[in-house]
PDB file of N, CA and C in Angstrom:
ATOM      1  N   MET A   1      43.542 139.281-236.478  1.00  0.00           N
ATOM      2  CA  MET A   1      43.626 138.908-237.763  1.00  0.00           C
ATOM      3  C   MET A   1      45.187 138.914-237.999  1.00  0.00           C
ATOM      4  N   ASN A   2      45.722 137.905-238.715  1.00  0.00           N
ATOM      5  CA  ASN A   2      46.931 137.522-239.318  1.00  0.00           C
ATOM      6  C   ASN A   2      47.197 138.427-240.394  1.00  0.00           C
ATOM      7  N   ILE A   3      48.156 139.398-240.513  1.00  0.00           N
ATOM      8  CA  ILE A   3      48.270 140.212-241.697  1.00  0.00           C
ATOM      9  C   ILE A   3      49.606 140.528-241.580  1.00  0.00           C
ATOM     10  N   PRO A   4      50.930 139.478-242.144  1.00  0.00           N
ATOM     11  CA  PRO A   4      52.192 139.512-242.215  1.00  0.00           C
ATOM     12  C   PRO A   4      52.633 140.988-243.022  1.00  0.00           C
ATOM     13  N   ALA A   5      53.692 141.343-242.192  1.00  0.00           N
ATOM     14  CA  ALA A   5      54.120 142.810-242.693  1.00  0.00           C
ATOM     15  C   ALA A   5      54.976 142.712-243.960  1.00  0.00           C
ATOM     16  N   GLU A   6      55.523 141.474-244.233  1.00  0.00           N
ATOM     17  CA  GLU A   6      56.479 141.201-245.277  1.00  0.00           C
ATOM     18  C   GLU A   6      55.746 140.927-246.755  1.00  0.00           C
ATOM     19  N   LEU A   7      54.588 140.736-246.441  1.00  0.00           N
ATOM     20  CA  LEU A   7      53.901 140.520-247.802  1.00  0.00           C
ATOM     21  C   LEU A   7      53.138 141.746-248.094  1.00  0.00           C
ATOM     22  N   GLN A   8      52.605 141.590-249.553  1.00  0.00           N
ATOM     23  CA  GLN A   8      51.957 142.675-250.121  1.00  0.00           C
ATOM     24  C   GLN A   8      50.504 142.076-250.309  1.00  0.00           C
ATOM     25  N   TYR A   9      49.409 142.854-250.593  1.00  0.00           N
ATOM     26  CA  TYR A   9      47.965 142.665-250.665  1.00  0.00           C
ATOM     27  C   TYR A   9      47.430 143.240-251.843  1.00  0.00           C
ATOM     28  N   THR A  10      45.966 142.782-252.286  1.00  0.00           N
ATOM     29  CA  THR A  10      45.288 143.057-253.243  1.00  0.00           C
ATOM     30  C   THR A  10      43.966 143.530-252.607  1.00  0.00           C
ATOM     31  N   LYS A  11      43.048 144.368-253.236  1.00  0.00           N
ATOM     32  CA  LYS A  11      41.982 144.709-252.850  1.00  0.00           C
ATOM     33  C   LYS A  11      40.922 143.370-252.907  1.00  0.00           C
ATOM     34  N   ASP A  12      41.391 142.153-253.739  1.00  0.00           N
ATOM     35  CA  ASP A  12      40.803 141.301-253.711  1.00  0.00           C
ATOM     36  C   ASP A  12      40.959 139.888-252.681  1.00  0.00           C
ATOM     37  N   HIS A  13      41.510 140.520-251.498  1.00  0.00           N
ATOM     38  CA  HIS A  13      41.925 139.669-250.521  1.00  0.00           C
ATOM     39  C   HIS A  13      42.817 138.494-250.670  1.00  0.00           C
ATOM     40  N   GLU A  14      43.973 138.895-251.733  1.00  0.00           N
ATOM     41  CA  GLU A  14      44.982 137.972-251.924  1.00  0.00           C
ATOM     42  C   GLU A  14      46.377 138.548-251.408  1.00  0.00           C
ATOM     43  N   TRP A  15      47.146 137.910-250.969  1.00  0.00           N
ATOM     44  CA  TRP A  15      48.520 138.128-250.468  1.00  0.00           C
ATOM     45  C   TRP A  15      49.468 137.546-251.655  1.00  0.00           C
ATOM     46  N   VAL A  16      50.594 138.231-251.839  1.00  0.00           N
ATOM     47  CA  VAL A  16      51.752 138.351-252.749  1.00  0.00           C
ATOM     48  C   VAL A  16      53.098 138.299-251.990  1.00  0.00           C
ATOM     49  N   LYS A  17      53.661 137.335-252.287  1.00  0.00           N
ATOM     50  CA  LYS A  17      55.217 137.507-251.744  1.00  0.00           C
ATOM     51  C   LYS A  17      55.926 137.352-253.004  1.00  0.00           C
ATOM     52  N   ILE A  18      56.955 138.294-253.190  1.00  0.00           N
ATOM     53  CA  ILE A  18      57.677 138.465-254.313  1.00  0.00           C
ATOM     54  C   ILE A  18      59.135 138.131-254.157  1.00  0.00           C
ATOM     55  N   ASP A  19      59.524 137.101-254.887  1.00  0.00           N
ATOM     56  CA  ASP A  19      60.977 136.387-255.159  1.00  0.00           C
ATOM     57  C   ASP A  19      61.786 136.618-256.223  1.00  0.00           C
ATOM     58  N   GLY A  20      62.436 137.611-256.518  1.00  0.00           N
ATOM     59  CA  GLY A  20      62.982 138.108-257.753  1.00  0.00           C
ATOM     60  C   GLY A  20      61.825 138.185-259.022  1.00  0.00           C
ATOM     61  N   ASP A  21      61.739 137.411-259.730  1.00  0.00           N
ATOM     62  CA  ASP A  21      60.518 137.591-260.801  1.00  0.00           C
ATOM     63  C   ASP A  21      59.732 136.694-260.752  1.00  0.00           C
ATOM     64  N   VAL A  22      59.432 135.994-259.478  1.00  0.00           N
ATOM     65  CA  VAL A  22      58.309 135.136-259.111  1.00  0.00           C
ATOM     66  C   VAL A  22      57.599 135.522-257.999  1.00  0.00           C
ATOM     67  N   ALA A  23      56.347 135.311-258.160  1.00  0.00           N
ATOM     68  CA  ALA A  23      55.258 135.827-256.926  1.00  0.00           C
ATOM     69  C   ALA A  23      54.501 134.500-256.574  1.00  0.00           C
ATOM     70  N   THR A  24      54.434 134.318-255.396  1.00  0.00           N
ATOM     71  CA  THR A  24      53.550 133.347-254.646  1.00  0.00           C
ATOM     72  C   THR A  24      52.396 134.098-254.167  1.00  0.00           C
ATOM     73  N   VAL A  25      51.166 133.313-254.489  1.00  0.00           N
ATOM     74  CA  VAL A  25      49.895 134.269-254.363  1.00  0.00           C
ATOM     75  C   VAL A  25      48.846 133.021-253.300  1.00  0.00           C
ATOM     76  N   GLY A  26      48.185 133.709-252.615  1.00  0.00           N
ATOM     77  CA  GLY A  26      47.233 132.956-251.793  1.00  0.00           C
ATOM     78  C   GLY A  26      46.221 133.928-251.286  1.00  0.00           C
ATOM     79  N   ILE A  27      45.039 133.428-250.456  1.00  0.00           N
ATOM     80  CA  ILE A  27      44.300 134.224-250.191  1.00  0.00           C
ATOM     81  C   ILE A  27      44.535 134.573-248.714  1.00  0.00           C
ATOM     82  N   THR A  28      44.060 135.965-248.121  1.00  0.00           N
ATOM     83  CA  THR A  28      44.597 136.275-246.796  1.00  0.00           C
ATOM     84  C   THR A  28      43.830 135.569-245.676  1.00  0.00           C
ATOM     85  N   ASP A  29      44.155 135.584-244.540  1.00  0.00           N
ATOM     86  CA  ASP A  29      43.610 135.104-243.420  1.00  0.00           C
ATOM     87  C   ASP A  29      42.190 135.645-243.402  1.00  0.00           C
ATOM     88  N   PHE A  30      41.883 136.929-243.476  1.00  0.00           N
ATOM     89  CA  PHE A  30      40.565 137.575-243.408  1.00  0.00           C
ATOM     90  C   PHE A  30      39.716 136.908-244.754  1.00  0.00           C
ATOM     91  N   ALA A  31      40.353 136.830-245.696  1.00  0.00           N
ATOM     92  CA  ALA A  31      39.409 136.044-246.909  1.00  0.00           C
ATOM     93  C   ALA A  31      39.075 134.468-246.461  1.00  0.00           C
ATOM     94  N   GLN A  32      39.877 133.790-245.890  1.00  0.00           N
ATOM     95  CA  GLN A  32      39.453 132.323-245.731  1.00  0.00           C
ATOM     96  C   GLN A  32      38.554 132.301-244.366  1.00  0.00           C
ATOM     97  N   SER A  33      38.764 133.317-243.448  1.00  0.00           N
ATOM     98  CA  SER A  33      37.771 133.428-242.583  1.00  0.00           C
ATOM     99  C   SER A  33      36.506 133.648-243.104  1.00  0.00           C
ATOM    100  N   GLU A  34      36.376 134.669-243.721  1.00  0.00           N
ATOM    101  CA  GLU A  34      34.828 135.149-244.586  1.00  0.00           C
ATOM    102  C   GLU A  34      34.237 134.011-245.161  1.00  0.00           C
ATOM    103  N   LEU A  35      35.320 133.285-246.070  1.00  0.00           N
ATOM    104  CA  LEU A  35      34.399 132.138-246.598  1.00  0.00           C
ATOM    105  C   LEU A  35      34.143 130.786-245.875  1.00  0.00           C
ATOM    106  N   GLY A  36      34.908 130.580-244.810  1.00  0.00           N
ATOM    107  CA  GLY A  36      34.528 129.464-243.967  1.00  0.00           C
ATOM    108  C   GLY A  36      35.357 128.407-244.504  1.00  0.00           C
ATOM    109  N   ASP A  37      34.820 127.295-244.287  1.00  0.00           N
ATOM    110  CA  ASP A  37      35.439 125.821-244.546  1.00  0.00           C
ATOM    111  C   ASP A  37      35.625 125.999-245.953  1.00  0.00           C
ATOM    112  N   ILE A  38      36.958 125.749-246.175  1.00  0.00           N
ATOM    113  CA  ILE A  38      37.112 125.693-247.825  1.00  0.00           C
ATOM    114  C   ILE A  38      37.415 124.171-248.122  1.00  0.00           C
ATOM    115  N   VAL A  39      36.764 123.888-249.165  1.00  0.00           N
ATOM    116  CA  VAL A  39      36.437 122.328-249.540  1.00  0.00           C
ATOM    117  C   VAL A  39      37.113 121.849-250.844  1.00  0.00           C
ATOM    118  N   TYR A  40      37.290 123.001-251.549  1.00  0.00           N
ATOM    119  CA  TYR A  40      38.202 122.870-253.030  1.00  0.00           C
ATOM    120  C   TYR A  40      38.622 123.856-253.686  1.00  0.00           C
ATOM    121  N   VAL A  41      39.784 123.800-254.121  1.00  0.00           N
ATOM    122  CA  VAL A  41      40.623 124.808-254.800  1.00  0.00           C
ATOM    123  C   VAL A  41      40.805 124.341-256.323  1.00  0.00           C
ATOM    124  N   GLU A  42      40.296 125.187-257.144  1.00  0.00           N
ATOM    125  CA  GLU A  42      40.476 124.911-258.580  1.00  0.00           C
ATOM    126  C   GLU A  42      41.241 125.891-259.300  1.00  0.00           C
ATOM    127  N   VAL A  43      42.471 125.523-260.013  1.00  0.00           N
ATOM    128  CA  VAL A  43      43.290 126.342-260.835  1.00  0.00           C
ATOM    129  C   VAL A  43      43.308 125.333-262.272  1.00  0.00           C
ATOM    130  N   GLU A  44      43.016 126.128-263.146  1.00  0.00           N
ATOM    131  CA  GLU A  44      42.945 125.361-264.392  1.00  0.00           C
ATOM    132  C   GLU A  44      43.702 126.297-265.621  1.00  0.00           C
ATOM    133  N   THR A  45      44.590 127.125-264.842  1.00  0.00           N
ATOM    134  CA  THR A  45      45.176 128.031-265.472  1.00  0.00           C
ATOM    135  C   THR A  45      46.834 127.590-265.788  1.00  0.00           C
ATOM    136  N   LEU A  46      47.184 126.421-265.040  1.00  0.00           N
ATOM    137  CA  LEU A  46      48.534 126.421-264.925  1.00  0.00           C
ATOM    138  C   LEU A  46      49.279 126.383-266.433  1.00  0.00           C
ATOM    139  N   ASP A  47      50.373 126.970-266.377  1.00  0.00           N
ATOM    140  CA  ASP A  47      51.360 127.026-267.655  1.00  0.00           C
ATOM    141  C   ASP A  47      50.633 128.176-268.635  1.00  0.00           C
ATOM    142  N   GLU A  48      49.536 128.838-268.366  1.00  0.00           N
ATOM    143  CA  GLU A  48      49.069 130.111-269.069  1.00  0.00           C
ATOM    144  C   GLU A  48      49.503 131.400-268.712  1.00  0.00           C
ATOM    145  N   THR A  49      49.655 132.272-269.588  1.00  0.00           N
ATOM    146  CA  THR A  49      49.958 133.471-269.144  1.00  0.00           C
ATOM    147  C   THR A  49      48.596 134.600-269.275  1.00  0.00           C
ATOM    148  N   LEU A  50      48.280 135.235-268.169  1.00  0.00           N
ATOM    149  CA  LEU A  50      47.192 135.950-268.015  1.00  0.00           C
ATOM    150  C   LEU A  50      47.562 137.253-267.639  1.00  0.00           C
ATOM    151  N   ASP A  51      46.496 138.097-267.810  1.00  0.00           N
ATOM    152  CA  ASP A  51      46.965 139.673-267.504  1.00  0.00           C
ATOM    153  C   ASP A  51      46.396 139.735-265.846  1.00  0.00           C
ATOM    154  N   LYS A  52      46.865 140.916-265.322  1.00  0.00           N
ATOM    155  CA  LYS A  52      46.577 141.390-263.883  1.00  0.00           C
ATOM    156  C   LYS A  52      44.826 141.409-263.834  1.00  0.00           C
ATOM    157  N   GLU A  53      44.429 140.892-262.762  1.00  0.00           N
ATOM    158  CA  GLU A  53      43.033 140.886-262.428  1.00  0.00           C
ATOM    159  C   GLU A  53      42.140 139.832-263.256  1.00  0.00           C
ATOM    160  N   GLU A  54      42.773 139.028-264.077  1.00  0.00           N
ATOM    161  CA  GLU A  54      42.035 137.903-265.056  1.00  0.00           C
ATOM    162  C   GLU A  54      41.820 136.847-263.879  1.00  0.00           C
ATOM    163  N   VAL A  55      40.550 136.010-263.878  1.00  0.00           N
ATOM    164  CA  VAL A  55      40.265 135.068-262.924  1.00  0.00           C
ATOM    165  C   VAL A  55      41.333 133.798-263.090  1.00  0.00           C
ATOM    166  N   PHE A  56      42.051 133.300-262.247  1.00  0.00           N
ATOM    167  CA  PHE A  56      43.095 132.342-262.486  1.00  0.00           C
ATOM    168  C   PHE A  56      42.528 130.948-261.923  1.00  0.00           C
ATOM    169  N   GLY A  57      41.590 131.029-260.936  1.00  0.00           N
ATOM    170  CA  GLY A  57      41.060 129.716-260.331  1.00  0.00           C
ATOM    171  C   GLY A  57      39.758 130.177-259.579  1.00  0.00           C
ATOM    172  N   THR A  58      39.395 129.265-258.953  1.00  0.00           N
ATOM    173  CA  THR A  58      38.263 129.549-257.853  1.00  0.00           C
ATOM    174  C   THR A  58      38.409 128.790-256.737  1.00  0.00           C
ATOM    175  N   VAL A  59      37.867 129.231-255.451  1.00  0.00           N
ATOM    176  CA  VAL A  59      37.966 128.499-254.172  1.00  0.00           C
ATOM    177  C   VAL A  59      36.533 128.241-254.207  1.00  0.00           C
ATOM    178  N   GLU A  60      36.393 127.082-253.343  1.00  0.00           N
ATOM    179  CA  GLU A  60      34.963 126.925-253.044  1.00  0.00           C
ATOM    180  C   GLU A  60      34.849 126.387-251.576  1.00  0.00           C
ATOM    181  N   ALA A  61      33.980 127.110-250.880  1.00  0.00           N
ATOM    182  CA  ALA A  61      33.746 126.716-249.442  1.00  0.00           C
ATOM    183  C   ALA A  61      32.380 126.291-249.168  1.00  0.00           C
ATOM    184  N   VAL A  62      31.892 125.670-247.974  1.00  0.00           N
ATOM    185  CA  VAL A  62      30.596 124.997-248.031  1.00  0.00           C
ATOM    186  C   VAL A  62      29.476 125.747-248.290  1.00  0.00           C
ATOM    187  N   LYS A  63      29.501 126.993-248.294  1.00  0.00           N
ATOM    188  CA  LYS A  63      28.461 127.872-248.709  1.00  0.00           C
ATOM    189  C   LYS A  63      28.551 128.634-249.982  1.00  0.00           C
ATOM    190  N   THR A  64      29.705 128.654-250.677  1.00  0.00           N
ATOM    191  CA  THR A  64      29.883 129.697-251.695  1.00  0.00           C
ATOM    192  C   THR A  64      31.102 129.213-252.474  1.00  0.00           C
ATOM    193  N   VAL A  65      31.216 129.837-253.576  1.00  0.00           N
ATOM    194  CA  VAL A  65      32.449 129.598-254.577  1.00  0.00           C
ATOM    195  C   VAL A  65      32.896 131.148-255.068  1.00  0.00           C
ATOM    196  N   SER A  66      33.937 131.543-254.873  1.00  0.00           N
ATOM    197  CA  SER A  66      34.953 132.834-255.162  1.00  0.00           C
ATOM    198  C   SER A  66      35.687 132.527-256.310  1.00  0.00           C
ATOM    199  N   ASP A  67      35.756 133.586-257.307  1.00  0.00           N
ATOM    200  CA  ASP A  67      36.840 133.642-258.195  1.00  0.00           C
ATOM    201  C   ASP A  67      38.020 133.917-257.409  1.00  0.00           C
ATOM    202  N   LEU A  68      39.362 133.457-257.997  1.00  0.00           N
ATOM    203  CA  LEU A  68      40.428 134.069-257.666  1.00  0.00           C
ATOM    204  C   LEU A  68      41.211 134.900-258.829  1.00  0.00           C
ATOM    205  N   PHE A  69      41.530 136.003-258.256  1.00  0.00           N
ATOM    206  CA  PHE A  69      42.081 137.066-259.315  1.00  0.00           C
ATOM    207  C   PHE A  69      43.299 137.290-259.351  1.00  0.00           C
ATOM    208  N   LEU A  70      44.086 137.373-260.545  1.00  0.00           N
ATOM    209  CA  LEU A  70      45.517 137.523-260.619  1.00  0.00           C
ATOM    210  C   LEU A  70      46.068 138.709-260.244  1.00  0.00           C
ATOM    211  N   PRO A  71      47.035 138.571-259.050  1.00  0.00           N
ATOM    212  CA  PRO A  71      47.275 140.147-258.495  1.00  0.00           C
ATOM    213  C   PRO A  71      48.458 140.803-259.546  1.00  0.00           C
ATOM    214  N   LEU A  72      49.014 139.916-260.619  1.00  0.00           N
ATOM    215  CA  LEU A  72      50.063 140.629-261.321  1.00  0.00           C
ATOM    216  C   LEU A  72      50.048 139.648-262.875  1.00  0.00           C
ATOM    217  N   SER A  73      50.275 140.556-263.756  1.00  0.00           N
ATOM    218  CA  SER A  73      50.383 139.821-265.021  1.00  0.00           C
ATOM    219  C   SER A  73      51.717 138.860-265.280  1.00  0.00           C
ATOM    220  N   GLY A  74      51.255 137.583-265.538  1.00  0.00           N
ATOM    221  CA  GLY A  74      52.530 136.856-265.852  1.00  0.00           C
ATOM    222  C   GLY A  74      51.833 135.213-266.205  1.00  0.00           C
ATOM    223  N   GLU A  75      52.766 134.291-266.155  1.00  0.00           N
ATOM    224  CA  GLU A  75      52.512 132.985-266.536  1.00  0.00           C
ATOM    225  C   GLU A  75      52.501 132.167-265.055  1.00  0.00           C
ATOM    226  N   ILE A  76      51.413 131.379-265.238  1.00  0.00           N
ATOM    227  CA  ILE A  76      51.259 130.648-263.896  1.00  0.00           C
ATOM    228  C   ILE A  76      52.108 129.312-264.180  1.00  0.00           C
ATOM    229  N   ILE A  77      53.224 129.241-263.029  1.00  0.00           N
ATOM    230  CA  ILE A  77      54.215 128.377-263.227  1.00  0.00           C
ATOM    231  C   ILE A  77      54.180 127.360-262.474  1.00  0.00           C
ATOM    232  N   GLU A  78      53.277 127.320-260.992  1.00  0.00           N
ATOM    233  CA  GLU A  78      53.095 126.402-260.140  1.00  0.00           C
ATOM    234  C   GLU A  78      51.854 126.382-259.457  1.00  0.00           C
ATOM    235  N   PHE A  79      51.124 125.174-259.175  1.00  0.00           N
ATOM    236  CA  PHE A  79      49.906 125.122-258.395  1.00  0.00           C
ATOM    237  C   PHE A  79      50.370 124.408-257.184  1.00  0.00           C
ATOM    238  N   ASN A  80      49.842 124.762-256.287  1.00  0.00           N
ATOM    239  CA  ASN A  80      50.230 123.983-254.610  1.00  0.00           C
ATOM    240  C   ASN A  80      49.127 122.606-254.895  1.00  0.00           C
ATOM    241  N   GLU A  81      49.612 121.611-255.455  1.00  0.00           N
ATOM    242  CA  GLU A  81      48.944 120.306-255.629  1.00  0.00           C
ATOM    243  C   GLU A  81      48.442 119.669-254.586  1.00  0.00           C
ATOM    244  N   SER A  82      49.123 120.260-253.313  1.00  0.00           N
ATOM    245  CA  SER A  82      48.736 119.452-252.251  1.00  0.00           C
ATOM    246  C   SER A  82      47.241 120.181-251.717  1.00  0.00           C
ATOM    247  N   LEU A  83      46.830 120.923-252.337  1.00  0.00           N
ATOM    248  CA  LEU A  83      45.409 121.775-251.898  1.00  0.00           C
ATOM    249  C   LEU A  83      44.418 120.603-252.678  1.00  0.00           C
ATOM    250  N   GLU A  84      44.722 119.793-253.533  1.00  0.00           N
ATOM    251  CA  GLU A  84      43.681 119.127-254.213  1.00  0.00           C
ATOM    252  C   GLU A  84      43.192 117.787-252.915  1.00  0.00           C
ATOM    253  N   ASP A  85      44.249 117.505-252.262  1.00  0.00           N
ATOM    254  CA  ASP A  85      43.540 116.568-251.516  1.00  0.00           C
ATOM    255  C   ASP A  85      43.291 117.292-250.100  1.00  0.00           C
ATOM    256  N   GLU A  86      43.906 118.352-249.835  1.00  0.00           N
ATOM    257  CA  GLU A  86      43.992 118.970-248.535  1.00  0.00           C
ATOM    258  C   GLU A  86      43.600 120.445-248.607  1.00  0.00           C
ATOM    259  N   PRO A  87      42.344 120.897-249.047  1.00  0.00           N
ATOM    260  CA  PRO A  87      41.999 122.447-249.495  1.00  0.00           C
ATOM    261  C   PRO A  87      41.950 123.009-248.084  1.00  0.00           C
ATOM    262  N   GLU A  88      41.749 122.225-246.867  1.00  0.00           N
ATOM    263  CA  GLU A  88      41.791 122.995-245.604  1.00  0.00           C
ATOM    264  C   GLU A  88      42.892 123.591-245.256  1.00  0.00           C
ATOM    265  N   LYS A  89      44.159 123.384-245.813  1.00  0.00           N
ATOM    266  CA  LYS A  89      45.292 123.975-245.634  1.00  0.00           C
ATOM    267  C   LYS A  89      44.963 125.560-245.759  1.00  0.00           C
ATOM    268  N   VAL A  90      44.191 126.189-246.586  1.00  0.00           N
ATOM    269  CA  VAL A  90      43.884 127.560-246.814  1.00  0.00           C
ATOM    270  C   VAL A  90      43.297 127.901-245.655  1.00  0.00           C
ATOM    271  N   ASN A  91      42.660 127.213-244.860  1.00  0.00           N
ATOM    272  CA  ASN A  91      42.024 127.714-243.554  1.00  0.00           C
ATOM    273  C   ASN A  91      42.978 127.587-242.493  1.00  0.00           C
ATOM    274  N   SER A  92      43.702 126.480-242.427  1.00  0.00           N
ATOM    275  CA  SER A  92      44.743 126.465-241.312  1.00  0.00           C
ATOM    276  C   SER A  92      46.085 127.100-241.254  1.00  0.00           C
ATOM    277  N   ASP A  93      46.508 127.552-242.720  1.00  0.00           N
ATOM    278  CA  ASP A  93      47.845 128.106-242.901  1.00  0.00           C
ATOM    279  C   ASP A  93      47.767 128.904-244.165  1.00  0.00           C
ATOM    280  N   PRO A  94      46.901 130.003-244.090  1.00  0.00           N
ATOM    281  CA  PRO A  94      46.693 130.559-245.491  1.00  0.00           C
ATOM    282  C   PRO A  94      48.014 131.179-245.999  1.00  0.00           C
ATOM    283  N   TYR A  95      49.103 131.322-245.018  1.00  0.00           N
ATOM    284  CA  TYR A  95      50.371 132.167-245.807  1.00  0.00           C
ATOM    285  C   TYR A  95      51.538 131.330-245.786  1.00  0.00           C
ATOM    286  N   GLY A  96      51.002 130.030-245.456  1.00  0.00           N
ATOM    287  CA  GLY A  96      52.332 129.004-245.352  1.00  0.00           C
ATOM    288  C   GLY A  96      51.747 127.804-246.574  1.00  0.00           C
ATOM    289  N   ASP A  97      51.603 126.842-246.066  1.00  0.00           N
ATOM    290  CA  ASP A  97      51.268 125.511-246.600  1.00  0.00           C
ATOM    291  C   ASP A  97      49.867 125.789-247.739  1.00  0.00           C
ATOM    292  N   GLY A  98      49.020 126.704-247.426  1.00  0.00           N
ATOM    293  CA  GLY A  98      47.717 127.118-248.230  1.00  0.00           C
ATOM    294  C   GLY A  98      48.014 128.010-249.237  1.00  0.00           C
ATOM    295  N   TRP A  99      49.417 128.381-249.686  1.00  0.00           N
ATOM    296  CA  TRP A  99      49.729 129.008-250.801  1.00  0.00           C
ATOM    297  C   TRP A  99      49.068 128.410-252.019  1.00  0.00           C
ATOM    298  N   MET A 100      48.665 129.287-253.101  1.00  0.00           N
ATOM    299  CA  MET A 100      47.934 128.679-254.016  1.00  0.00           C
ATOM    300  C   MET A 100      48.830 128.484-255.411  1.00  0.00           C
ATOM    301  N   ILE A 101      49.245 129.631-255.808  1.00  0.00           N
ATOM    302  CA  ILE A 101      50.134 129.687-257.295  1.00  0.00           C
ATOM    303  C   ILE A 101      51.218 130.450-257.047  1.00  0.00           C
ATOM    304  N   LYS A 102      52.142 129.995-258.165  1.00  0.00           N
ATOM    305  CA  LYS A 102      53.402 130.669-258.455  1.00  0.00           C
ATOM    306  C   LYS A 102      53.142 131.383-259.796  1.00  0.00           C
ATOM    307  N   ILE A 103      53.704 132.851-259.917  1.00  0.00           N
ATOM    308  CA  ILE A 103      53.546 133.198-260.989  1.00  0.00           C
ATOM    309  C   ILE A 103      55.000 133.828-261.586  1.00  0.00           C
ATOM    310  N   LYS A 104      55.419 133.684-262.674  1.00  0.00           N
ATOM    311  CA  LYS A 104      56.733 134.407-263.388  1.00  0.00           C
ATOM    312  C   LYS A 104      56.071 135.789-263.979  1.00  0.00           C
ATOM    313  N   ILE A 105      56.582 136.794-263.086  1.00  0.00           N
ATOM    314  CA  ILE A 105      56.165 138.097-263.526  1.00  0.00           C
ATOM    315  C   ILE A 105      56.330 138.741-264.669  1.00  0.00           C
ATOM    316  N   SER A 106      55.567 138.938-265.502  1.00  0.00           N
ATOM    317  CA  SER A 106      55.801 139.642-266.813  1.00  0.00           C
ATOM    318  C   SER A 106      55.913 141.212-266.957  1.00  0.00           C
ATOM    319  N   ASP A 107      55.349 141.937-265.758  1.00  0.00           N
ATOM    320  CA  ASP A 107      55.312 143.341-265.660  1.00  0.00           C
ATOM    321  C   ASP A 107      55.711 143.640-264.413  1.00  0.00           C
ATOM    322  N   PRO A 108      57.197 143.771-263.770  1.00  0.00           N
ATOM    323  CA  PRO A 108      57.327 144.147-262.746  1.00  0.00           C
ATOM    324  C   PRO A 108      56.941 145.667-262.026  1.00  0.00           C
ATOM    325  N   SER A 109      56.695 146.477-263.055  1.00  0.00           N
ATOM    326  CA  SER A 109      56.076 147.787-262.712  1.00  0.00           C
ATOM    327  C   SER A 109      54.753 147.662-261.991  1.00  0.00           C
ATOM    328  N   GLU A 110      53.884 146.609-261.960  1.00  0.00           N
ATOM    329  CA  GLU A 110      52.796 146.517-261.570  1.00  0.00           C
ATOM    330  C   GLU A 110      53.086 145.979-260.063  1.00  0.00           C
ATOM    331  N   VAL A 111      54.103 145.656-259.562  1.00  0.00           N
ATOM    332  CA  VAL A 111      54.251 145.198-258.139  1.00  0.00           C
ATOM    333  C   VAL A 111      54.004 146.719-257.399  1.00  0.00           C
ATOM    334  N   ASP A 112      54.222 147.835-257.977  1.00  0.00           N
ATOM    335  CA  ASP A 112      53.951 148.920-256.983  1.00  0.00           C
ATOM    336  C   ASP A 112      52.655 149.276-256.660  1.00  0.00           C
ATOM    337  N   GLY A 113      51.637 148.574-257.580  1.00  0.00           N
ATOM    338  CA  GLY A 113      50.257 148.821-257.312  1.00  0.00           C
ATOM    339  C   GLY A 113      49.783 147.888-256.175  1.00  0.00           C
ATOM    340  N   LEU A 114      50.400 146.974-255.708  1.00  0.00           N
ATOM    341  CA  LEU A 114      50.008 146.096-254.528  1.00  0.00           C
ATOM    342  C   LEU A 114      50.122 146.989-253.427  1.00  0.00           C
ATOM    343  N   MET A 115      49.181 146.592-252.255  1.00  0.00           N
ATOM    344  CA  MET A 115      49.047 147.041-251.112  1.00  0.00           C
ATOM    345  C   MET A 115      50.114 146.628-249.993  1.00  0.00           C
ATOM    346  N   SER A 116      50.396 147.583-249.214  1.00  0.00           N
ATOM    347  CA  SER A 116      51.077 147.221-248.098  1.00  0.00           C
ATOM    348  C   SER A 116      50.324 146.713-247.004  1.00  0.00           C
ATOM    349  N   ASP A 117      50.775 145.919-245.841  1.00  0.00           N
ATOM    350  CA  ASP A 117      50.059 145.485-244.852  1.00  0.00           C
ATOM    351  C   ASP A 117      49.071 146.523-244.150  1.00  0.00           C
ATOM    352  N   SER A 118      49.649 147.671-243.971  1.00  0.00           N
ATOM    353  CA  SER A 118      48.711 148.679-243.235  1.00  0.00           C
ATOM    354  C   SER A 118      47.797 149.252-244.351  1.00  0.00           C
ATOM    355  N   ASP A 119      47.976 149.241-245.384  1.00  0.00           N
ATOM    356  CA  ASP A 119      46.893 149.760-246.451  1.00  0.00           C
ATOM    357  C   ASP A 119      45.855 148.636-246.438  1.00  0.00           C
ATOM    358  N   TYR A 120      46.269 147.216-246.387  1.00  0.00           N
ATOM    359  CA  TYR A 120      45.127 146.295-246.309  1.00  0.00           C
ATOM    360  C   TYR A 120      44.439 146.248-244.979  1.00  0.00           C
ATOM    361  N   LYS A 121      45.158 146.404-243.986  1.00  0.00           N
ATOM    362  CA  LYS A 121      44.419 146.419-242.766  1.00  0.00           C
ATOM    363  C   LYS A 121      43.332 147.784-242.556  1.00  0.00           C
ATOM    364  N   ALA A 122      43.642 148.774-243.281  1.00  0.00           N
ATOM    365  CA  ALA A 122      42.813 149.891-243.435  1.00  0.00           C
ATOM    366  C   ALA A 122      41.447 149.393-244.573  1.00  0.00           C
ATOM    367  N   LEU A 123      41.775 148.567-245.363  1.00  0.00           N
ATOM    368  CA  LEU A 123      40.951 148.307-246.383  1.00  0.00           C
ATOM    369  C   LEU A 123      39.611 147.363-245.518  1.00  0.00           C
ATOM    370  N   ILE A 124      40.313 146.739-244.756  1.00  0.00           N
ATOM    371  CA  ILE A 124      39.221 145.420-244.060  1.00  0.00           C
ATOM    372  C   ILE A 124      38.936 146.090-242.642  1.00  0.00           C
ATOM    373  N   GLY A 125      39.407 147.360-242.198  1.00  0.00           N
ATOM    374  CA  GLY A 125      39.017 147.839-241.047  1.00  0.00           C
ATOM    375  C   GLY A 125      39.459 146.981-239.758  1.00  0.00           C
ATOM    376  N   ALA A 126      40.851 146.594-239.840  1.00  0.00           N
ATOM    377  CA  ALA A 126      41.689 145.798-238.893  1.00  0.00           C
ATOM    378  C   ALA A 126      42.317 146.556-237.954  1.00  0.00           C
TER     379      ALA A 126
END
């Protein structure tokens, strides 16, 4: 199970990479393996400002659809449009080409509530 130490994580199996006041978000290797083959990623909240833990989109796999929860409050400033044609990138490269959104963080103090790689490993029993 790939859980990069330089990222932060949520209980909802999303990873977060902080770069100044922008956070890049995707789902973890564990989440994509549990979902199976991903066939569609939908994000209709581009340019909207949402609160932490609000639903920002959905990921559809062959057998199920799962909500995606915002790990930090802020404005969704970018969607990885390559996922519209190649949603399987979430399976093949969840921490790279399979990223989903970028957020302009509105409350930097929320970053302290994210999990470290070791906390996330404990959560999933890795």
